[in-house]
């Protein structure tokens, strides 16, 4: 069995960081050249959406890390007994 040292939490954390950075970016087309753009004052604000996505990703990462931790404890204690029939069924569907 191969163990990847990069946890899912690390990957989600970097994604959450990028999402937080994108929250600080505001696009304001009023600064572009052209009278129509200046008059319209168009603006895009994605901070609310990206914030919710970031929170959801962090929550999922936390849940995943907890599940993996529990499986690790069960495996080390000899209590982890996967259902071979269920595994075979899922593998057959792939």
Protein backbone atom coordinates (compact mmCIF):
# COMPACT_ATOMS: atom_id res chain seq x y z
CA UNK A 1 0.00 0.00 0.00
CA UNK A 2 1.39 3.41 -1.00
CA UNK A 3 0.85 6.38 1.26
CA UNK A 4 0.94 9.85 -0.25
CA UNK A 5 2.49 12.33 2.13
CA UNK A 6 0.44 15.20 0.71
CA UNK A 7 -2.82 15.19 2.60
CA UNK A 8 -6.11 16.33 1.04
CA UNK A 9 -6.08 19.10 3.63
CA UNK A 10 -2.88 20.54 2.11
CA UNK A 11 -4.46 20.63 -1.34
CA UNK A 12 -7.68 22.22 -0.10
CA UNK A 13 -5.74 24.69 2.01
CA UNK A 14 -3.84 25.96 -1.01
CA UNK A 15 -7.09 26.16 -2.98
CA UNK A 16 -8.73 28.07 -0.13
CA UNK A 17 -5.78 30.47 -0.08
CA UNK A 18 -6.18 31.11 -3.79
CA UNK A 19 -9.92 31.66 -3.27
CA UNK A 20 -9.19 34.18 -0.52
CA UNK A 21 -6.77 35.99 -2.80
CA UNK A 22 -9.38 36.14 -5.54
CA UNK A 23 -11.84 37.67 -3.07
CA UNK A 24 -9.60 40.72 -2.86
CA UNK A 25 -9.72 41.24 -6.60
CA UNK A 26 -12.46 43.52 -7.83
CA UNK A 27 -13.02 44.15 -11.48
CA UNK A 28 -14.17 47.66 -12.23
CA UNK A 29 -14.68 48.35 -15.90
CA UNK A 30 -15.20 52.04 -15.18
CA UNK A 31 -11.42 52.41 -15.17
CA UNK A 32 -11.18 51.19 -18.76
CA UNK A 33 -11.08 53.66 -21.60
CA UNK A 34 -14.30 54.61 -23.31
CA UNK A 35 -17.17 56.85 -22.31
CA UNK A 36 -19.73 54.02 -22.33
CA UNK A 37 -17.76 51.92 -19.87
CA UNK A 38 -17.19 54.90 -17.58
CA UNK A 39 -20.85 55.88 -17.70
CA UNK A 40 -22.13 52.35 -17.01
CA UNK A 41 -19.79 51.73 -14.07
CA UNK A 42 -20.02 47.95 -14.44
CA UNK A 43 -18.62 46.01 -11.54
CA UNK A 44 -18.14 42.34 -10.74
CA UNK A 45 -18.05 41.14 -7.15
CA UNK A 46 -17.47 37.44 -6.54
CA UNK A 47 -16.31 37.67 -2.95
CA UNK A 48 -19.51 36.24 -1.46
CA UNK A 49 -19.50 33.21 -3.74
CA UNK A 50 -15.80 32.51 -3.39
CA UNK A 51 -16.07 32.87 0.37
CA UNK A 52 -18.82 30.26 0.53
CA UNK A 53 -16.86 27.94 -1.77
CA UNK A 54 -13.76 28.36 0.40
CA UNK A 55 -15.72 27.58 3.60
CA UNK A 56 -17.31 24.51 2.02
CA UNK A 57 -13.96 23.22 0.82
CA UNK A 58 -12.43 23.70 4.26
CA UNK A 59 -15.33 21.88 5.90
CA UNK A 60 -15.04 18.98 3.45
CA UNK A 61 -11.29 18.79 4.03
CA UNK A 62 -11.84 18.68 7.77
CA UNK A 63 -14.45 15.93 7.47
CA UNK A 64 -12.21 13.94 5.14
CA UNK A 65 -9.22 14.28 7.46
CA UNK A 66 -11.32 13.12 10.42
CA UNK A 67 -12.59 10.11 8.46
CA UNK A 68 -9.08 9.14 7.36
CA UNK A 69 -7.84 9.53 10.94
CA UNK A 70 -10.60 7.27 12.24
CA UNK A 71 -9.89 4.65 9.55
CA UNK A 72 -6.20 4.81 10.45
CA UNK A 73 -6.98 4.19 14.12
CA UNK A 74 -9.30 1.30 13.26
CA UNK A 75 -6.72 -0.25 10.93
CA UNK A 76 -3.91 -0.02 13.49
CA UNK A 77 -6.15 -1.49 16.19
CA UNK A 78 -7.15 -4.39 13.91
CA UNK A 79 -10.79 -3.29 13.78
CA UNK A 80 -10.87 -2.25 10.11
CA UNK A 81 -12.61 -4.94 8.11
CA UNK A 82 -13.60 -3.73 4.66
CA UNK A 83 -16.52 -5.37 2.90
CA UNK A 84 -14.89 -7.24 0.00
CA UNK A 85 -18.21 -7.63 -1.80
CA UNK A 86 -18.91 -3.89 -1.67
CA UNK A 87 -15.40 -3.07 -2.87
CA UNK A 88 -15.72 -5.51 -5.78
CA UNK A 89 -19.09 -4.04 -6.71
CA UNK A 90 -17.72 -0.48 -6.79
CA UNK A 91 -14.66 -1.57 -8.77
CA UNK A 92 -16.86 -3.36 -11.31
CA UNK A 93 -18.87 -0.17 -11.90
CA UNK A 94 -15.74 1.87 -12.66
